Amino acid sequence: MDADGNNPVNLTNHPKTDSNPIWSPLGHRILFESRREGNREVYIIDADGGGLRNLSNNPNGNDTHARWNPELLAVEPQQKNLTTLGKVKRTSLLQNYPNPFNPET
């Protein structure tokens, strides 16, 4: 809607709950939570209603409390220091590689 409250536009029309919308710092996108996958997920949508994407895509849990980081223009969970998109889904330990300028790895 306009800054004065006129001309509201419905950007999502899903029968499940969409909630907690947050405008991006530059006003081009909106971050929000939705239950359209059955559990709570974090989505992003362009200000014109296009480009809808599920950012967290976590079928085994609820992803909530996402916010914009104005310095990095990225999404991060609140009360965290590292920028992430949802929870860590898997980890792996890879083979180390020697540093040619240092004998230690």
PDB file of N, CA and C in Angstrom:
ATOM      1  N   MET A   1       0.832  -1.177   0.000  1.00  0.00           N
ATOM      2  CA  MET A   1       0.000   0.000   0.000  1.00  0.00           C
ATOM      3  C   MET A   1       0.874   1.236   0.000  1.00  0.00           C
ATOM      4  N   ASP A   2       0.274   2.326  -0.368  1.00  0.00           N
ATOM      5  CA  ASP A   2       0.994   3.587  -0.335  1.00  0.00           C
ATOM      6  C   ASP A   2       1.290   3.977   1.106  1.00  0.00           C
ATOM      7  N   ALA A   3       2.236   4.898   1.285  1.00  0.00           N
ATOM      8  CA  ALA A   3       2.616   5.338   2.625  1.00  0.00           C
ATOM      9  C   ALA A   3       1.443   5.928   3.398  1.00  0.00           C
ATOM     10  N   ASP A   4       0.455   6.479   2.701  1.00  0.00           N
ATOM     11  CA  ASP A   4      -0.702   7.066   3.379  1.00  0.00           C
ATOM     12  C   ASP A   4      -1.797   6.038   3.672  1.00  0.00           C
ATOM     13  N   GLY A   5      -1.560   4.745   3.321  1.00  0.00           N
ATOM     14  CA  GLY A   5      -2.532   3.691   3.600  1.00  0.00           C
ATOM     15  C   GLY A   5      -3.484   3.400   2.461  1.00  0.00           C
ATOM     16  N   ASN A   6      -3.414   4.153   1.385  1.00  0.00           N
ATOM     17  CA  ASN A   6      -4.285   3.924   0.235  1.00  0.00           C
ATOM     18  C   ASN A   6      -3.680   2.888  -0.713  1.00  0.00           C
ATOM     19  N   ASN A   7      -4.509   2.343  -1.574  1.00  0.00           N
ATOM     20  CA  ASN A   7      -4.117   1.390  -2.617  1.00  0.00           C
ATOM     21  C   ASN A   7      -3.474   0.106  -2.086  1.00  0.00           C
ATOM     22  N   PRO A   8      -4.113  -0.581  -1.140  1.00  0.00           N
ATOM     23  CA  PRO A   8      -3.538  -1.844  -0.666  1.00  0.00           C
ATOM     24  C   PRO A   8      -3.577  -2.900  -1.770  1.00  0.00           C
ATOM     25  N   VAL A   9      -2.570  -3.774  -1.801  1.00  0.00           N
ATOM     26  CA  VAL A   9      -2.467  -4.845  -2.787  1.00  0.00           C
ATOM     27  C   VAL A   9      -2.150  -6.135  -2.046  1.00  0.00           C
ATOM     28  N   ASN A  10      -2.890  -7.198  -2.349  1.00  0.00           N
ATOM     29  CA  ASN A  10      -2.643  -8.503  -1.753  1.00  0.00           C
ATOM     30  C   ASN A  10      -1.569  -9.205  -2.591  1.00  0.00           C
ATOM     31  N   LEU A  11      -0.374  -9.433  -1.999  1.00  0.00           N
ATOM     32  CA  LEU A  11       0.723 -10.062  -2.738  1.00  0.00           C
ATOM     33  C   LEU A  11       0.682 -11.578  -2.672  1.00  0.00           C
ATOM     34  N   THR A  12       0.111 -12.126  -1.610  1.00  0.00           N
ATOM     35  CA  THR A  12      -0.014 -13.573  -1.498  1.00  0.00           C
ATOM     36  C   THR A  12      -1.474 -13.908  -1.283  1.00  0.00           C
ATOM     37  N   ASN A  13      -1.902 -15.012  -1.837  1.00  0.00           N
ATOM     38  CA  ASN A  13      -3.290 -15.424  -1.705  1.00  0.00           C
ATOM     39  C   ASN A  13      -3.326 -16.929  -1.461  1.00  0.00           C
ATOM     40  N   HIS A  14      -2.626 -17.356  -0.434  1.00  0.00           N
ATOM     41  CA  HIS A  14      -2.537 -18.774  -0.110  1.00  0.00           C
ATOM     42  C   HIS A  14      -3.485 -19.075   1.044  1.00  0.00           C
ATOM     43  N   PRO A  15      -4.164 -20.233   1.040  1.00  0.00           N
ATOM     44  CA  PRO A  15      -5.106 -20.534   2.120  1.00  0.00           C
ATOM     45  C   PRO A  15      -4.435 -20.749   3.486  1.00  0.00           C
ATOM     46  N   LYS A  16      -3.142 -21.048   3.509  1.00  0.00           N
ATOM     47  CA  LYS A  16      -2.420 -21.189   4.779  1.00  0.00           C
ATOM     48  C   LYS A  16      -1.986 -19.819   5.268  1.00  0.00           C
ATOM     49  N   THR A  17      -1.542 -19.754   6.502  1.00  0.00           N
ATOM     50  CA  THR A  17      -1.193 -18.485   7.129  1.00  0.00           C
ATOM     51  C   THR A  17       0.139 -17.932   6.630  1.00  0.00           C
ATOM     52  N   ASP A  18       0.138 -16.687   6.158  1.00  0.00           N
ATOM     53  CA  ASP A  18       1.342 -15.919   5.877  1.00  0.00           C
ATOM     54  C   ASP A  18       1.398 -14.830   6.942  1.00  0.00           C
ATOM     55  N   SER A  19       2.551 -14.660   7.586  1.00  0.00           N
ATOM     56  CA  SER A  19       2.617 -13.708   8.697  1.00  0.00           C
ATOM     57  C   SER A  19       3.991 -13.070   8.817  1.00  0.00           C
ATOM     58  N   ASN A  20       4.086 -12.090   9.682  1.00  0.00           N
ATOM     59  CA  ASN A  20       5.318 -11.390  10.055  1.00  0.00           C
ATOM     60  C   ASN A  20       6.090 -10.831   8.858  1.00  0.00           C
ATOM     61  N   PRO A  21       5.438 -10.040   8.002  1.00  0.00           N
ATOM     62  CA  PRO A  21       6.151  -9.469   6.854  1.00  0.00           C
ATOM     63  C   PRO A  21       7.146  -8.398   7.300  1.00  0.00           C
ATOM     64  N   ILE A  22       8.315  -8.387   6.654  1.00  0.00           N
ATOM     65  CA  ILE A  22       9.348  -7.390   6.945  1.00  0.00           C
ATOM     66  C   ILE A  22       9.898  -6.893   5.615  1.00  0.00           C
ATOM     67  N   TRP A  23       9.803  -5.585   5.367  1.00  0.00           N
ATOM     68  CA  TRP A  23      10.342  -5.001   4.142  1.00  0.00           C
ATOM     69  C   TRP A  23      11.857  -5.039   4.162  1.00  0.00           C
ATOM     70  N   SER A  24      12.479  -5.255   2.998  1.00  0.00           N
ATOM     71  CA  SER A  24      13.936  -5.185   2.885  1.00  0.00           C
ATOM     72  C   SER A  24      14.373  -3.732   3.087  1.00  0.00           C
ATOM     73  N   PRO A  25      15.634  -3.506   3.462  1.00  0.00           N
ATOM     74  CA  PRO A  25      16.090  -2.133   3.702  1.00  0.00           C
ATOM     75  C   PRO A  25      15.895  -1.204   2.507  1.00  0.00           C
ATOM     76  N   LEU A  26      15.987  -1.722   1.291  1.00  0.00           N
ATOM     77  CA  LEU A  26      15.802  -0.880   0.108  1.00  0.00           C
ATOM     78  C   LEU A  26      14.366  -0.887  -0.409  1.00  0.00           C
ATOM     79  N   GLY A  27      13.497  -1.675   0.213  1.00  0.00           N
ATOM     80  CA  GLY A  27      12.089  -1.698  -0.162  1.00  0.00           C
ATOM     81  C   GLY A  27      11.761  -2.486  -1.415  1.00  0.00           C
ATOM     82  N   HIS A  28      12.657  -3.363  -1.850  1.00  0.00           N
ATOM     83  CA  HIS A  28      12.422  -4.134  -3.069  1.00  0.00           C
ATOM     84  C   HIS A  28      11.796  -5.499  -2.818  1.00  0.00           C
ATOM     85  N   ARG A  29      11.963  -6.035  -1.601  1.00  0.00           N
ATOM     86  CA  ARG A  29      11.466  -7.373  -1.297  1.00  0.00           C
ATOM     87  C   ARG A  29      10.848  -7.407   0.102  1.00  0.00           C
ATOM     88  N   ILE A  30      10.084  -8.464   0.343  1.00  0.00           N
ATOM     89  CA  ILE A  30       9.453  -8.664   1.642  1.00  0.00           C
ATOM     90  C   ILE A  30       9.792 -10.070   2.127  1.00  0.00           C
ATOM     91  N   LEU A  31      10.227 -10.145   3.352  1.00  0.00           N
ATOM     92  CA  LEU A  31      10.522 -11.401   4.012  1.00  0.00           C
ATOM     93  C   LEU A  31       9.320 -11.738   4.882  1.00  0.00           C
ATOM     94  N   PHE A  32       8.858 -12.999   4.883  1.00  0.00           N
ATOM     95  CA  PHE A  32       7.717 -13.356   5.715  1.00  0.00           C
ATOM     96  C   PHE A  32       7.749 -14.832   6.070  1.00  0.00           C
ATOM     97  N   GLU A  33       6.929 -15.201   7.046  1.00  0.00           N
ATOM     98  CA  GLU A  33       6.781 -16.595   7.454  1.00  0.00           C
ATOM     99  C   GLU A  33       5.476 -17.128   6.888  1.00  0.00           C
ATOM    100  N   SER A  34       5.462 -18.429   6.563  1.00  0.00           N
ATOM    101  CA  SER A  34       4.245 -19.033   6.036  1.00  0.00           C
ATOM    102  C   SER A  34       4.156 -20.486   6.475  1.00  0.00           C
ATOM    103  N   ARG A  35       2.924 -20.967   6.581  1.00  0.00           N
ATOM    104  CA  ARG A  35       2.669 -22.375   6.885  1.00  0.00           C
ATOM    105  C   ARG A  35       2.215 -23.137   5.631  1.00  0.00           C
ATOM    106  N   ARG A  36       2.476 -22.604   4.456  1.00  0.00           N
ATOM    107  CA  ARG A  36       1.994 -23.228   3.220  1.00  0.00           C
ATOM    108  C   ARG A  36       2.617 -24.583   2.948  1.00  0.00           C
ATOM    109  N   GLU A  37       3.734 -24.931   3.568  1.00  0.00           N
ATOM    110  CA  GLU A  37       4.354 -26.252   3.415  1.00  0.00           C
ATOM    111  C   GLU A  37       3.937 -27.202   4.538  1.00  0.00           C
ATOM    112  N   GLY A  38       3.071 -26.753   5.436  1.00  0.00           N
ATOM    113  CA  GLY A  38       2.637 -27.570   6.571  1.00  0.00           C
ATOM    114  C   GLY A  38       3.290 -27.134   7.868  1.00  0.00           C
ATOM    115  N   ASN A  39       4.569 -26.800   7.819  1.00  0.00           N
ATOM    116  CA  ASN A  39       5.265 -26.248   8.976  1.00  0.00           C
ATOM    117  C   ASN A  39       5.656 -24.814   8.640  1.00  0.00           C
ATOM    118  N   ARG A  40       6.166 -24.114   9.604  1.00  0.00           N
ATOM    119  CA  ARG A  40       6.504 -22.702   9.385  1.00  0.00           C
ATOM    120  C   ARG A  40       7.828 -22.598   8.627  1.00  0.00           C
ATOM    121  N   GLU A  41       7.825 -21.857   7.518  1.00  0.00           N
ATOM    122  CA  GLU A  41       9.000 -21.648   6.677  1.00  0.00           C
ATOM    123  C   GLU A  41       9.206 -20.154   6.455  1.00  0.00           C
ATOM    124  N   VAL A  42      10.418 -19.769   6.072  1.00  0.00           N
ATOM    125  CA  VAL A  42      10.737 -18.378   5.770  1.00  0.00           C
ATOM    126  C   VAL A  42      10.732 -18.201   4.254  1.00  0.00           C
ATOM    127  N   TYR A  43       9.977 -17.222   3.776  1.00  0.00           N
ATOM    128  CA  TYR A  43       9.844 -16.939   2.349  1.00  0.00           C
ATOM    129  C   TYR A  43      10.283 -15.508   2.063  1.00  0.00           C
ATOM    130  N   ILE A  44      10.572 -15.270   0.797  1.00  0.00           N
ATOM    131  CA  ILE A  44      10.868 -13.931   0.316  1.00  0.00           C
ATOM    132  C   ILE A  44      10.047 -13.718  -0.952  1.00  0.00           C
ATOM    133  N   ILE A  45       9.591 -12.495  -1.154  1.00  0.00           N
ATOM    134  CA  ILE A  45       8.803 -12.161  -2.338  1.00  0.00           C
ATOM    135  C   ILE A  45       9.180 -10.753  -2.783  1.00  0.00           C
ATOM    136  N   ASP A  46       9.178 -10.522  -4.084  1.00  0.00           N
ATOM    137  CA  ASP A  46       9.436  -9.185  -4.605  1.00  0.00           C
ATOM    138  C   ASP A  46       8.274  -8.266  -4.240  1.00  0.00           C
ATOM    139  N   ALA A  47       8.536  -6.984  -4.178  1.00  0.00           N
ATOM    140  CA  ALA A  47       7.507  -6.010  -3.801  1.00  0.00           C
ATOM    141  C   ALA A  47       6.332  -5.993  -4.767  1.00  0.00           C
ATOM    142  N   ASP A  48       6.525  -6.459  -5.990  1.00  0.00           N
ATOM    143  CA  ASP A  48       5.420  -6.497  -6.954  1.00  0.00           C
ATOM    144  C   ASP A  48       4.663  -7.820  -6.926  1.00  0.00           C
ATOM    145  N   GLY A  49       5.042  -8.742  -6.017  1.00  0.00           N
ATOM    146  CA  GLY A  49       4.360 -10.019  -5.893  1.00  0.00           C
ATOM    147  C   GLY A  49       5.016 -11.151  -6.655  1.00  0.00           C
ATOM    148  N   GLY A  50       6.059 -10.877  -7.426  1.00  0.00           N
ATOM    149  CA  GLY A  50       6.769 -11.921  -8.172  1.00  0.00           C
ATOM    150  C   GLY A  50       7.945 -12.468  -7.376  1.00  0.00           C
ATOM    151  N   GLY A  51       8.589 -13.488  -7.917  1.00  0.00           N
ATOM    152  CA  GLY A  51       9.816 -14.015  -7.340  1.00  0.00           C
ATOM    153  C   GLY A  51       9.664 -14.682  -5.978  1.00  0.00           C
ATOM    154  N   LEU A  52       8.522 -15.289  -5.705  1.00  0.00           N
ATOM    155  CA  LEU A  52       8.312 -15.962  -4.424  1.00  0.00           C
ATOM    156  C   LEU A  52       9.281 -17.129  -4.283  1.00  0.00           C
ATOM    157  N   ARG A  53      10.013 -17.188  -3.158  1.00  0.00           N
ATOM    158  CA  ARG A  53      10.958 -18.282  -2.903  1.00  0.00           C
ATOM    159  C   ARG A  53      10.902 -18.699  -1.440  1.00  0.00           C
ATOM    160  N   ASN A  54      11.018 -19.996  -1.216  1.00  0.00           N
ATOM    161  CA  ASN A  54      11.154 -20.549   0.134  1.00  0.00           C
ATOM    162  C   ASN A  54      12.640 -20.505   0.462  1.00  0.00           C
ATOM    163  N   LEU A  55      13.035 -19.729   1.472  1.00  0.00           N
ATOM    164  CA  LEU A  55      14.442 -19.603   1.820  1.00  0.00           C
ATOM    165  C   LEU A  55      14.924 -20.693   2.761  1.00  0.00           C
ATOM    166  N   SER A  56      14.060 -21.166   3.642  1.00  0.00           N
ATOM    167  CA  SER A  56      14.522 -22.123   4.655  1.00  0.00           C
ATOM    168  C   SER A  56      14.327 -23.569   4.220  1.00  0.00           C
ATOM    169  N   ASN A  57      13.223 -23.900   3.599  1.00  0.00           N
ATOM    170  CA  ASN A  57      12.970 -25.225   3.045  1.00  0.00           C
ATOM    171  C   ASN A  57      13.361 -26.347   4.008  1.00  0.00           C
ATOM    172  N   ASN A  58      12.799 -26.316   5.204  1.00  0.00           N
ATOM    173  CA  ASN A  58      13.111 -27.294   6.243  1.00  0.00           C
ATOM    174  C   ASN A  58      11.861 -28.099   6.556  1.00  0.00           C
ATOM    175  N   PRO A  59      11.677 -29.285   5.945  1.00  0.00           N
ATOM    176  CA  PRO A  59      10.442 -30.046   6.145  1.00  0.00           C
ATOM    177  C   PRO A  59      10.308 -30.655   7.539  1.00  0.00           C
ATOM    178  N   ASN A  60      11.378 -30.681   8.321  1.00  0.00           N
ATOM    179  CA  ASN A  60      11.341 -31.332   9.630  1.00  0.00           C
ATOM    180  C   ASN A  60      11.251 -30.384  10.807  1.00  0.00           C
ATOM    181  N   GLY A  61      11.049 -29.113  10.583  1.00  0.00           N
ATOM    182  CA  GLY A  61      10.987 -28.177  11.702  1.00  0.00           C
ATOM    183  C   GLY A  61      10.367 -26.866  11.291  1.00  0.00           C
ATOM    184  N   ASN A  62      10.297 -25.958  12.238  1.00  0.00           N
ATOM    185  CA  ASN A  62       9.741 -24.636  11.997  1.00  0.00           C
ATOM    186  C   ASN A  62      10.867 -23.614  11.944  1.00  0.00           C
ATOM    187  N   ASP A  63      10.870 -22.790  10.924  1.00  0.00           N
ATOM    188  CA  ASP A  63      11.837 -21.709  10.786  1.00  0.00           C
ATOM    189  C   ASP A  63      11.105 -20.394  10.999  1.00  0.00           C
ATOM    190  N   THR A  64      11.560 -19.628  11.973  1.00  0.00           N
ATOM    191  CA  THR A  64      10.876 -18.401  12.346  1.00  0.00           C
ATOM    192  C   THR A  64      11.881 -17.309  12.697  1.00  0.00           C
ATOM    193  N   HIS A  65      11.376 -16.137  12.952  1.00  0.00           N
ATOM    194  CA  HIS A  65      12.124 -14.992  13.463  1.00  0.00           C
ATOM    195  C   HIS A  65      13.263 -14.553  12.541  1.00  0.00           C
ATOM    196  N   ALA A  66      13.081 -14.671  11.255  1.00  0.00           N
ATOM    197  CA  ALA A  66      14.089 -14.179  10.315  1.00  0.00           C
ATOM    198  C   ALA A  66      13.989 -12.658  10.244  1.00  0.00           C
ATOM    199  N   ARG A  67      15.076 -12.026   9.898  1.00  0.00           N
ATOM    200  CA  ARG A  67      15.091 -10.570   9.750  1.00  0.00           C
ATOM    201  C   ARG A  67      16.145 -10.181   8.735  1.00  0.00           C
ATOM    202  N   TRP A  68      16.071  -8.963   8.256  1.00  0.00           N
ATOM    203  CA  TRP A  68      17.054  -8.439   7.318  1.00  0.00           C
ATOM    204  C   TRP A  68      18.260  -7.939   8.093  1.00  0.00           C
ATOM    205  N   ASN A  69      19.437  -8.151   7.542  1.00  0.00           N
ATOM    206  CA  ASN A  69      20.658  -7.560   8.082  1.00  0.00           C
ATOM    207  C   ASN A  69      20.985  -6.385   7.173  1.00  0.00           C
ATOM    208  N   PRO A  70      20.732  -5.146   7.602  1.00  0.00           N
ATOM    209  CA  PRO A  70      20.897  -4.006   6.690  1.00  0.00           C
ATOM    210  C   PRO A  70      22.325  -3.809   6.202  1.00  0.00           C
ATOM    211  N   GLU A  71      23.312  -4.300   6.940  1.00  0.00           N
ATOM    212  CA  GLU A  71      24.691  -4.124   6.506  1.00  0.00           C
ATOM    213  C   GLU A  71      25.041  -5.084   5.368  1.00  0.00           C
ATOM    214  N   LEU A  72      24.524  -6.310   5.426  1.00  0.00           N
ATOM    215  CA  LEU A  72      24.852  -7.316   4.425  1.00  0.00           C
ATOM    216  C   LEU A  72      23.741  -7.519   3.404  1.00  0.00           C
ATOM    217  N   LEU A  73      22.561  -6.964   3.652  1.00  0.00           N
ATOM    218  CA  LEU A  73      21.383  -7.163   2.825  1.00  0.00           C
ATOM    219  C   LEU A  73      21.097  -8.657   2.645  1.00  0.00           C
ATOM    220  N   ALA A  74      21.232  -9.400   3.729  1.00  0.00           N
ATOM    221  CA  ALA A  74      20.971 -10.836   3.729  1.00  0.00           C
ATOM    222  C   ALA A  74      19.945 -11.135   4.812  1.00  0.00           C
ATOM    223  N   VAL A  75      19.569 -12.380   4.913  1.00  0.00           N
ATOM    224  CA  VAL A  75      18.601 -12.802   5.915  1.00  0.00           C
ATOM    225  C   VAL A  75      19.339 -13.578   6.990  1.00  0.00           C
ATOM    226  N   GLU A  76      19.023 -13.314   8.236  1.00  0.00           N
ATOM    227  CA  GLU A  76      19.635 -14.080   9.313  1.00  0.00           C
ATOM    228  C   GLU A  76      18.628 -14.263  10.433  1.00  0.00           C
ATOM    229  N   PRO A  77      18.674 -15.381  11.150  1.00  0.00           N
ATOM    230  CA  PRO A  77      17.794 -15.515  12.305  1.00  0.00           C
ATOM    231  C   PRO A  77      18.165 -14.489  13.362  1.00  0.00           C
ATOM    232  N   GLN A  78      17.190 -13.993  14.075  1.00  0.00           N
ATOM    233  CA  GLN A  78      17.461 -13.041  15.134  1.00  0.00           C
ATOM    234  C   GLN A  78      18.303 -13.680  16.215  1.00  0.00           C
ATOM    235  N   GLN A  79      19.064 -12.860  16.911  1.00  0.00           N
ATOM    236  CA  GLN A  79      19.899 -13.265  18.043  1.00  0.00           C
ATOM    237  C   GLN A  79      21.010 -14.210  17.615  1.00  0.00           C
ATOM    238  N   LYS A  80      21.455 -14.140  16.376  1.00  0.00           N
ATOM    239  CA  LYS A  80      22.577 -14.939  15.894  1.00  0.00           C
ATOM    240  C   LYS A  80      23.636 -13.981  15.352  1.00  0.00           C
ATOM    241  N   ASN A  81      24.882 -14.382  15.394  1.00  0.00           N
ATOM    242  CA  ASN A  81      25.961 -13.553  14.871  1.00  0.00           C
ATOM    243  C   ASN A  81      26.317 -13.885  13.435  1.00  0.00           C
ATOM    244  N   LEU A  82      26.026 -15.100  12.985  1.00  0.00           N
ATOM    245  CA  LEU A  82      26.371 -15.516  11.642  1.00  0.00           C
ATOM    246  C   LEU A  82      25.169 -15.397  10.721  1.00  0.00           C
ATOM    247  N   THR A  83      25.395 -14.989   9.498  1.00  0.00           N
ATOM    248  CA  THR A  83      24.310 -14.901   8.525  1.00  0.00           C
ATOM    249  C   THR A  83      24.013 -16.292   7.992  1.00  0.00           C
ATOM    250  N   THR A  84      22.766 -16.724   8.137  1.00  0.00           N
ATOM    251  CA  THR A  84      22.367 -18.047   7.675  1.00  0.00           C
ATOM    252  C   THR A  84      20.991 -17.959   7.052  1.00  0.00           C
ATOM    253  N   LEU A  85      20.616 -18.969   6.341  1.00  0.00           N
ATOM    254  CA  LEU A  85      19.276 -19.089   5.799  1.00  0.00           C
ATOM    255  C   LEU A  85      18.682 -20.365   6.368  1.00  0.00           C
ATOM    256  N   GLY A  86      18.044 -20.284   7.508  1.00  0.00           N
ATOM    257  CA  GLY A  86      17.466 -21.463   8.152  1.00  0.00           C
ATOM    258  C   GLY A  86      18.495 -22.210   8.971  1.00  0.00           C
ATOM    259  N   LYS A  87      18.157 -23.410   9.368  1.00  0.00           N
ATOM    260  CA  LYS A  87      19.042 -24.223  10.195  1.00  0.00           C
ATOM    261  C   LYS A  87      20.034 -24.980   9.319  1.00  0.00           C
ATOM    262  N   VAL A  88      21.161 -25.372   9.923  1.00  0.00           N
ATOM    263  CA  VAL A  88      22.129 -26.195   9.204  1.00  0.00           C
ATOM    264  C   VAL A  88      21.491 -27.548   8.953  1.00  0.00           C
ATOM    265  N   LYS A  89      21.453 -27.968   7.721  1.00  0.00           N
ATOM    266  CA  LYS A  89      20.770 -29.212   7.373  1.00  0.00           C
ATOM    267  C   LYS A  89      21.711 -30.402   7.343  1.00  0.00           C
ATOM    268  N   ARG A  90      22.998 -30.179   7.060  1.00  0.00           N
ATOM    269  CA  ARG A  90      23.964 -31.279   7.080  1.00  0.00           C
ATOM    270  C   ARG A  90      25.366 -30.699   7.203  1.00  0.00           C
ATOM    271  N   THR A  91      26.257 -31.486   7.720  1.00  0.00           N
ATOM    272  CA  THR A  91      27.657 -31.100   7.826  1.00  0.00           C
ATOM    273  C   THR A  91      28.503 -32.223   7.259  1.00  0.00           C
ATOM    274  N   SER A  92      29.724 -31.910   6.890  1.00  0.00           N
ATOM    275  CA  SER A  92      30.638 -32.944   6.411  1.00  0.00           C
ATOM    276  C   SER A  92      32.065 -32.501   6.696  1.00  0.00           C
ATOM    277  N   LEU A  93      32.940 -33.456   6.858  1.00  0.00           N
ATOM    278  CA  LEU A  93      34.353 -33.202   7.077  1.00  0.00           C
ATOM    279  C   LEU A  93      35.096 -33.577   5.801  1.00  0.00           C
ATOM    280  N   LEU A  94      35.758 -32.603   5.185  1.00  0.00           N
ATOM    281  CA  LEU A  94      36.455 -32.831   3.930  1.00  0.00           C
ATOM    282  C   LEU A  94      37.941 -33.045   4.174  1.00  0.00           C
ATOM    283  N   GLN A  95      38.605 -33.619   3.204  1.00  0.00           N
ATOM    284  CA  GLN A  95      40.052 -33.840   3.296  1.00  0.00           C
ATOM    285  C   GLN A  95      40.757 -32.495   3.391  1.00  0.00           C
ATOM    286  N   ASN A  96      41.761 -32.410   4.272  1.00  0.00           N
ATOM    287  CA  ASN A  96      42.527 -31.170   4.380  1.00  0.00           C
ATOM    288  C   ASN A  96      43.498 -31.052   3.202  1.00  0.00           C
ATOM    289  N   TYR A  97      43.893 -29.832   2.908  1.00  0.00           N
ATOM    290  CA  TYR A  97      44.824 -29.570   1.826  1.00  0.00           C
ATOM    291  C   TYR A  97      46.021 -28.811   2.390  1.00  0.00           C
ATOM    292  N   PRO A  98      47.234 -29.205   2.031  1.00  0.00           N
ATOM    293  CA  PRO A  98      48.405 -28.492   2.555  1.00  0.00           C
ATOM    294  C   PRO A  98      48.493 -27.089   1.971  1.00  0.00           C
ATOM    295  N   ASN A  99      48.982 -26.190   2.789  1.00  0.00           N
ATOM    296  CA  ASN A  99      49.223 -24.819   2.352  1.00  0.00           C
ATOM    297  C   ASN A  99      50.648 -24.757   1.813  1.00  0.00           C
ATOM    298  N   PRO A 100      50.880 -24.376   0.557  1.00  0.00           N
ATOM    299  CA  PRO A 100      52.250 -24.368   0.019  1.00  0.00           C
ATOM    300  C   PRO A 100      53.175 -23.379   0.714  1.00  0.00           C
ATOM    301  N   PHE A 101      52.614 -22.438   1.453  1.00  0.00           N
ATOM    302  CA  PHE A 101      53.420 -21.449   2.148  1.00  0.00           C
ATOM    303  C   PHE A 101      53.578 -21.746   3.633  1.00  0.00           C
ATOM    304  N   ASN A 102      52.986 -22.871   4.061  1.00  0.00           N
ATOM    305  CA  ASN A 102      53.043 -23.236   5.473  1.00  0.00           C
ATOM    306  C   ASN A 102      53.004 -24.753   5.541  1.00  0.00           C
ATOM    307  N   PRO A 103      53.909 -25.405   6.272  1.00  0.00           N
ATOM    308  CA  PRO A 103      53.925 -26.871   6.317  1.00  0.00           C
ATOM    309  C   PRO A 103      52.757 -27.464   7.093  1.00  0.00           C
ATOM    310  N   GLU A 104      51.999 -26.671   7.827  1.00  0.00           N
ATOM    311  CA  GLU A 104      50.874 -27.168   8.606  1.00  0.00           C
ATOM    312  C   GLU A 104      49.584 -27.025   7.830  1.00  0.00           C
ATOM    313  N   THR A 105      48.621 -27.882   8.132  1.00  0.00           N
ATOM    314  CA  THR A 105      47.309 -27.742   7.502  1.00  0.00           C
ATOM    315  C   THR A 105      46.270 -27.481   8.563  1.00  0.00           C
TER     316      THR A 105
END
